[in-house]
Amino acid sequence: MNSCSNCGRKVNKSSGFCPNCGSRITTDHKNISPAPNSRVEKKKSRSKNKKIVAVGSIVGMLAVVSVTPFVVKGLQKPVTKTSVTAAKKIDPSTEKATENKSESSNLSPESSKPSSSDYIVPTSNKRLLSLDDIDILPKWQLRLARNEIYARHGYVFKSKDLQTYFSGKSWYHPNPSFDGSLNDVERQNVTTIKAREDSL
């Protein structure tokens, strides 16, 4: 018996054509397996190729999904606001030096260890602040920033936590004769900081 070189089906020697696929049968190739380019072999080869592509696609997607969080995290830069800029008209306020006594226990642990001589808002006595300048500050730091304006003039705080915090600053010098008067920029900044504080 011969085999069809196209589909691999066994056919009689006397048959000139394959009854399955109609291909011409050659009689001089006895007992030889179908040619590698037969339809059966092509189907098997296509099936293997599809499986390889599917597995490769899955591995590729897993690699992308596992690497993406690291790439995205690397691209994001933390937003820090260090410069204080604003372009507002000054609306003079008659607010005198005040302390927020209801929040006297809201200072963070960092503020209980005063060792640095820097300011929370370094230019709060010279430039108008916008809400964008202070929106990253938490409520306890807003309270300190607001009272820092008074501390620059030597205001003597009645609140123990504020007194402790500011006495640890090298620039703070208590001035019992300070009457609470501020310049226009400072008054407006106290109002801005207090509004943000109250919104939290």
C-alpha atoms as a PDB file:
ATOM      1  CA  MET A   1       0.000   0.000   0.000  1.00  0.00           C
ATOM      2  CA  ASN A   2       1.003   3.505  -0.754  1.00  0.00           C
ATOM      3  CA  SER A   3       0.321   6.651   1.224  1.00  0.00           C
ATOM      4  CA  CYS A   4      -1.000   9.890  -0.166  1.00  0.00           C
ATOM      5  CA  SER A   5       1.775  12.451  -0.071  1.00  0.00           C
ATOM      6  CA  ASN A   6      -0.750  15.244   0.506  1.00  0.00           C
ATOM      7  CA  CYS A   7      -3.073  13.990   3.255  1.00  0.00           C
ATOM      8  CA  GLY A   8      -1.251  10.856   4.468  1.00  0.00           C
ATOM      9  CA  ARG A   9      -4.111   8.427   3.888  1.00  0.00           C
ATOM     10  CA  LYS A  10      -3.205   4.899   2.801  1.00  0.00           C
ATOM     11  CA  VAL A  11      -4.349   4.052  -0.722  1.00  0.00           C
ATOM     12  CA  ASN A  12      -4.160   0.973  -2.992  1.00  0.00           C
ATOM     13  CA  LYS A  13      -1.185   0.643  -5.292  1.00  0.00           C
ATOM     14  CA  SER A  14      -3.479   0.591  -8.255  1.00  0.00           C
ATOM     15  CA  SER A  15      -5.135   3.868  -7.398  1.00  0.00           C
ATOM     16  CA  GLY A  16      -3.887   6.801  -9.364  1.00  0.00           C
ATOM     17  CA  PHE A  17      -5.573   9.384  -7.126  1.00  0.00           C
ATOM     18  CA  CYS A  18      -6.278   9.645  -3.388  1.00  0.00           C
ATOM     19  CA  PRO A  19      -9.982   8.998  -2.663  1.00  0.00           C
ATOM     20  CA  ASN A  20      -9.747  11.402   0.315  1.00  0.00           C
ATOM     21  CA  CYS A  21      -8.140  14.537  -1.147  1.00  0.00           C
ATOM     22  CA  GLY A  22      -7.888  13.766  -4.866  1.00  0.00           C
ATOM     23  CA  SER A  23      -4.114  14.195  -5.077  1.00  0.00           C
ATOM     24  CA  ARG A  24      -2.114  12.136  -7.582  1.00  0.00           C
ATOM     25  CA  ILE A  25      -0.465   9.045  -6.051  1.00  0.00           C
ATOM     26  CA  THR A  26       3.108   8.225  -6.978  1.00  0.00           C
ATOM     27  CA  THR A  27       3.869   4.497  -6.953  1.00  0.00           C
ATOM     28  CA  ASP A  28       7.621   4.538  -6.625  1.00  0.00           C
ATOM     29  CA  HIS A  29       7.694   5.765  -2.989  1.00  0.00           C
ATOM     30  CA  LYS A  30       6.649   2.712  -1.029  1.00  0.00           C
ATOM     31  CA  ASN A  31       6.216   2.749   2.744  1.00  0.00           C
ATOM     32  CA  ILE A  32       7.351   6.364   3.068  1.00  0.00           C
ATOM     33  CA  SER A  33       5.583   8.634   5.540  1.00  0.00           C
ATOM     34  CA  PRO A  34       3.761  11.679   4.230  1.00  0.00           C
ATOM     35  CA  ALA A  35       5.858  14.585   3.056  1.00  0.00           C
ATOM     36  CA  PRO A  36       6.406  17.282   5.667  1.00  0.00           C
ATOM     37  CA  ASN A  37       4.443  19.722   3.541  1.00  0.00           C
ATOM     38  CA  SER A  38       1.256  17.664   3.623  1.00  0.00           C
ATOM     39  CA  ARG A  39      -1.961  19.216   4.871  1.00  0.00           C
ATOM     40  CA  VAL A  40      -1.857  17.164   8.042  1.00  0.00           C
ATOM     41  CA  GLU A  41       1.672  18.333   8.843  1.00  0.00           C
ATOM     42  CA  LYS A  42       0.756  21.922   8.016  1.00  0.00           C
ATOM     43  CA  LYS A  43      -2.226  21.784  10.401  1.00  0.00           C
ATOM     44  CA  LYS A  44      -0.051  20.355  13.172  1.00  0.00           C
ATOM     45  CA  SER A  45       2.592  22.999  12.532  1.00  0.00           C
ATOM     46  CA  ARG A  46      -0.007  25.804  12.604  1.00  0.00           C
ATOM     47  CA  SER A  47      -1.440  24.471  15.850  1.00  0.00           C
ATOM     48  CA  LYS A  48       2.029  24.466  17.445  1.00  0.00           C
ATOM     49  CA  ASN A  49       2.695  27.994  16.187  1.00  0.00           C
ATOM     50  CA  LYS A  50      -0.597  29.233  17.655  1.00  0.00           C
ATOM     51  CA  LYS A  51       0.264  27.719  21.028  1.00  0.00           C
ATOM     52  CA  ILE A  52       3.731  29.315  20.997  1.00  0.00           C
ATOM     53  CA  VAL A  53       2.283  32.718  20.112  1.00  0.00           C
ATOM     54  CA  ALA A  54      -0.358  32.425  22.854  1.00  0.00           C
ATOM     55  CA  VAL A  55       2.190  31.468  25.512  1.00  0.00           C
ATOM     56  CA  GLY A  56       4.549  34.236  24.354  1.00  0.00           C
ATOM     57  CA  SER A  57       1.740  36.800  24.511  1.00  0.00           C
ATOM     58  CA  ILE A  58       0.805  35.790  28.051  1.00  0.00           C
ATOM     59  CA  VAL A  59       4.429  35.971  29.223  1.00  0.00           C
ATOM     60  CA  GLY A  60       4.815  39.389  27.575  1.00  0.00           C
ATOM     61  CA  MET A  61       1.670  40.763  29.220  1.00  0.00           C
ATOM     62  CA  LEU A  62       2.769  39.495  32.630  1.00  0.00           C
ATOM     63  CA  ALA A  63       6.142  41.166  32.180  1.00  0.00           C
ATOM     64  CA  VAL A  64       4.519  44.494  31.248  1.00  0.00           C
ATOM     65  CA  VAL A  65       2.052  44.322  34.152  1.00  0.00           C
ATOM     66  CA  SER A  66       4.767  43.516  36.678  1.00  0.00           C
ATOM     67  CA  VAL A  67       7.143  46.276  35.513  1.00  0.00           C
ATOM     68  CA  THR A  68       4.569  49.054  34.976  1.00  0.00           C
ATOM     69  CA  PRO A  69       4.135  50.051  38.677  1.00  0.00           C
ATOM     70  CA  PHE A  70       7.881  50.554  39.049  1.00  0.00           C
ATOM     71  CA  VAL A  71       8.142  52.644  35.896  1.00  0.00           C
ATOM     72  CA  VAL A  72       5.147  54.795  36.846  1.00  0.00           C
ATOM     73  CA  LYS A  73       6.462  55.295  40.370  1.00  0.00           C
ATOM     74  CA  GLY A  74       9.829  56.372  38.975  1.00  0.00           C
ATOM     75  CA  LEU A  75       8.221  58.956  36.695  1.00  0.00           C
ATOM     76  CA  GLN A  76       6.212  60.619  39.437  1.00  0.00           C
ATOM     77  CA  LYS A  77       8.061  63.343  41.260  1.00  0.00           C
ATOM     78  CA  PRO A  78       6.838  64.575  44.613  1.00  0.00           C
ATOM     79  CA  VAL A  79       5.336  68.019  44.477  1.00  0.00           C
ATOM     80  CA  THR A  80       7.017  70.374  46.867  1.00  0.00           C
ATOM     81  CA  LYS A  81       6.247  74.007  47.214  1.00  0.00           C
ATOM     82  CA  THR A  82       9.180  75.929  48.534  1.00  0.00           C
ATOM     83  CA  SER A  83       8.801  79.305  46.936  1.00  0.00           C
ATOM     84  CA  VAL A  84       6.213  81.696  48.212  1.00  0.00           C
ATOM     85  CA  THR A  85       4.692  83.815  45.467  1.00  0.00           C
ATOM     86  CA  ALA A  86       1.450  85.675  45.108  1.00  0.00           C
ATOM     87  CA  ALA A  87      -0.088  88.568  43.269  1.00  0.00           C
ATOM     88  CA  LYS A  88      -2.992  89.766  45.403  1.00  0.00           C
ATOM     89  CA  LYS A  89      -4.075  93.182  46.533  1.00  0.00           C
ATOM     90  CA  ILE A  90      -3.556  93.807  50.209  1.00  0.00           C
ATOM     91  CA  ASP A  91      -6.746  94.054  52.222  1.00  0.00           C
ATOM     92  CA  PRO A  92      -5.683  95.414  55.593  1.00  0.00           C
ATOM     93  CA  SER A  93      -7.120  93.597  58.541  1.00  0.00           C
ATOM     94  CA  THR A  94      -7.282  94.725  62.135  1.00  0.00           C
ATOM     95  CA  GLU A  95      -6.572  91.300  63.567  1.00  0.00           C
ATOM     96  CA  LYS A  96      -4.374  91.403  66.659  1.00  0.00           C
ATOM     97  CA  ALA A  97      -2.057  88.693  67.916  1.00  0.00           C
ATOM     98  CA  THR A  98      -4.099  85.624  68.779  1.00  0.00           C
ATOM     99  CA  GLU A  99      -3.390  82.042  69.618  1.00  0.00           C
ATOM    100  CA  ASN A 100      -5.415  78.987  68.807  1.00  0.00           C
ATOM    101  CA  LYS A 101      -5.849  77.627  72.318  1.00  0.00           C
ATOM    102  CA  SER A 102      -8.272  74.864  71.337  1.00  0.00           C
ATOM    103  CA  GLU A 103      -5.521  73.094  69.425  1.00  0.00           C
ATOM    104  CA  SER A 104      -2.718  73.357  71.945  1.00  0.00           C
ATOM    105  CA  SER A 105      -2.150  69.588  71.892  1.00  0.00           C
ATOM    106  CA  ASN A 106      -2.057  69.238  68.096  1.00  0.00           C
ATOM    107  CA  LEU A 107       1.668  69.767  67.621  1.00  0.00           C
ATOM    108  CA  SER A 108       3.452  66.847  66.037  1.00  0.00           C
ATOM    109  CA  PRO A 109       6.256  64.931  67.736  1.00  0.00           C
ATOM    110  CA  GLU A 110       8.764  66.653  65.430  1.00  0.00           C
ATOM    111  CA  SER A 111       7.837  70.056  66.812  1.00  0.00           C
ATOM    112  CA  SER A 112       8.489  68.983  70.382  1.00  0.00           C
ATOM    113  CA  LYS A 113      12.193  68.717  69.533  1.00  0.00           C
ATOM    114  CA  PRO A 114      13.019  72.234  68.365  1.00  0.00           C
ATOM    115  CA  SER A 115      16.560  72.198  67.101  1.00  0.00           C
ATOM    116  CA  SER A 116      16.498  73.966  63.753  1.00  0.00           C
ATOM    117  CA  SER A 117      16.451  77.701  63.244  1.00  0.00           C
ATOM    118  CA  ASP A 118      14.475  77.709  60.025  1.00  0.00           C
ATOM    119  CA  TYR A 119      10.986  78.999  59.387  1.00  0.00           C
ATOM    120  CA  ILE A 120       7.945  77.059  58.236  1.00  0.00           C
ATOM    121  CA  VAL A 121       7.128  79.817  55.744  1.00  0.00           C
ATOM    122  CA  PRO A 122      10.337  81.828  55.382  1.00  0.00           C
ATOM    123  CA  THR A 123       8.841  84.834  53.561  1.00  0.00           C
ATOM    124  CA  SER A 124       5.508  85.155  55.368  1.00  0.00           C
ATOM    125  CA  ASN A 125       6.543  88.603  56.594  1.00  0.00           C
ATOM    126  CA  LYS A 126       7.493  89.915  53.119  1.00  0.00           C
ATOM    127  CA  ARG A 127       5.256  88.283  50.499  1.00  0.00           C
ATOM    128  CA  LEU A 128       1.560  87.558  50.293  1.00  0.00           C
ATOM    129  CA  LEU A 129       0.755  83.865  50.519  1.00  0.00           C
ATOM    130  CA  SER A 130      -1.791  82.135  48.328  1.00  0.00           C
ATOM    131  CA  LEU A 131      -3.667  78.977  49.269  1.00  0.00           C
ATOM    132  CA  ASP A 132      -1.435  77.126  46.799  1.00  0.00           C
ATOM    133  CA  ASP A 133       1.592  78.111  48.884  1.00  0.00           C
ATOM    134  CA  ILE A 134       0.257  76.491  52.043  1.00  0.00           C
ATOM    135  CA  ASP A 135      -2.062  73.719  50.834  1.00  0.00           C
ATOM    136  CA  ILE A 136       0.546  71.025  51.487  1.00  0.00           C
ATOM    137  CA  LEU A 137       0.867  71.927  55.166  1.00  0.00           C
ATOM    138  CA  PRO A 138      -1.082  69.868  57.704  1.00  0.00           C
ATOM    139  CA  LYS A 139      -3.297  71.639  60.242  1.00  0.00           C
ATOM    140  CA  TRP A 140      -0.762  71.545  63.093  1.00  0.00           C
ATOM    141  CA  GLN A 141       1.901  73.112  60.854  1.00  0.00           C
ATOM    142  CA  LEU A 142      -0.512  75.796  59.655  1.00  0.00           C
ATOM    143  CA  ARG A 143      -1.044  76.761  63.282  1.00  0.00           C
ATOM    144  CA  LEU A 144       2.718  77.070  63.751  1.00  0.00           C
ATOM    145  CA  ALA A 145       3.104  79.037  60.494  1.00  0.00           C
ATOM    146  CA  ARG A 146       0.383  81.489  61.564  1.00  0.00           C
ATOM    147  CA  ASN A 147       1.916  82.011  64.997  1.00  0.00           C
ATOM    148  CA  GLU A 148       5.393  82.193  63.461  1.00  0.00           C
ATOM    149  CA  ILE A 149       4.407  85.579  62.056  1.00  0.00           C
ATOM    150  CA  TYR A 150       3.827  86.863  65.612  1.00  0.00           C
ATOM    151  CA  ALA A 151       6.923  85.071  66.915  1.00  0.00           C
ATOM    152  CA  ARG A 152       9.115  87.042  64.496  1.00  0.00           C
ATOM    153  CA  HIS A 153       8.148  90.156  66.475  1.00  0.00           C
ATOM    154  CA  GLY A 154       8.825  88.453  69.822  1.00  0.00           C
ATOM    155  CA  TYR A 155       5.229  87.798  70.850  1.00  0.00           C
ATOM    156  CA  VAL A 156       5.210  86.046  74.239  1.00  0.00           C
ATOM    157  CA  PHE A 157       2.936  83.017  73.902  1.00  0.00           C
ATOM    158  CA  LYS A 158       0.583  81.948  76.669  1.00  0.00           C
ATOM    159  CA  SER A 159       0.191  78.475  75.202  1.00  0.00           C
ATOM    160  CA  LYS A 160       2.869  76.161  76.602  1.00  0.00           C
ATOM    161  CA  ASP A 161       3.385  74.178  73.393  1.00  0.00           C
ATOM    162  CA  LEU A 162       3.852  77.320  71.261  1.00  0.00           C
ATOM    163  CA  GLN A 163       6.151  78.839  73.872  1.00  0.00           C
ATOM    164  CA  THR A 164       8.259  75.648  73.891  1.00  0.00           C
ATOM    165  CA  TYR A 165       8.350  75.393  70.097  1.00  0.00           C
ATOM    166  CA  PHE A 166       9.377  78.980  69.396  1.00  0.00           C
ATOM    167  CA  SER A 167      11.830  79.268  72.283  1.00  0.00           C
ATOM    168  CA  GLY A 168      13.816  76.514  70.551  1.00  0.00           C
ATOM    169  CA  LYS A 169      14.292  78.680  67.473  1.00  0.00           C
ATOM    170  CA  SER A 170      17.467  80.725  67.272  1.00  0.00           C
ATOM    171  CA  TRP A 171      15.649  83.661  65.685  1.00  0.00           C
ATOM    172  CA  TYR A 172      12.964  83.915  68.405  1.00  0.00           C
ATOM    173  CA  HIS A 173      13.558  86.552  71.069  1.00  0.00           C
ATOM    174  CA  PRO A 174      10.595  87.168  73.422  1.00  0.00           C
ATOM    175  CA  ASN A 175       9.542  90.803  73.514  1.00  0.00           C
ATOM    176  CA  PRO A 176       6.932  91.482  76.228  1.00  0.00           C
ATOM    177  CA  SER A 177       6.402  95.004  74.854  1.00  0.00           C
ATOM    178  CA  PHE A 178       5.222  93.750  71.424  1.00  0.00           C
ATOM    179  CA  ASP A 179       1.717  95.199  70.969  1.00  0.00           C
ATOM    180  CA  GLY A 180       0.538  92.748  68.289  1.00  0.00           C
ATOM    181  CA  SER A 181       0.764  95.177  65.386  1.00  0.00           C
ATOM    182  CA  LEU A 182       1.680  93.603  62.038  1.00  0.00           C
ATOM    183  CA  ASN A 183       2.397  95.037  58.621  1.00  0.00           C
ATOM    184  CA  ASP A 184      -0.232  94.672  55.862  1.00  0.00           C
ATOM    185  CA  VAL A 185       1.411  91.602  54.316  1.00  0.00           C
ATOM    186  CA  GLU A 186       1.638  89.830  57.669  1.00  0.00           C
ATOM    187  CA  ARG A 187      -2.006  90.593  58.538  1.00  0.00           C
ATOM    188  CA  GLN A 188      -3.191  89.241  55.191  1.00  0.00           C
ATOM    189  CA  ASN A 189      -1.032  86.123  55.580  1.00  0.00           C
ATOM    190  CA  VAL A 190      -2.453  85.474  59.056  1.00  0.00           C
ATOM    191  CA  THR A 191      -5.953  85.664  57.534  1.00  0.00           C
ATOM    192  CA  THR A 192      -5.023  83.359  54.637  1.00  0.00           C
ATOM    193  CA  ILE A 193      -3.384  80.759  56.895  1.00  0.00           C
ATOM    194  CA  LYS A 194      -6.287  80.871  59.366  1.00  0.00           C
ATOM    195  CA  ALA A 195      -8.821  80.352  56.535  1.00  0.00           C
ATOM    196  CA  ARG A 196      -6.902  77.288  55.347  1.00  0.00           C
ATOM    197  CA  GLU A 197      -6.597  76.029  58.922  1.00  0.00           C
ATOM    198  CA  ASP A 198     -10.354  76.352  59.464  1.00  0.00           C
ATOM    199  CA  SER A 199     -11.100  74.504  56.214  1.00  0.00           C
ATOM    200  CA  LEU A 200      -9.331  71.364  57.453  1.00  0.00           C
END
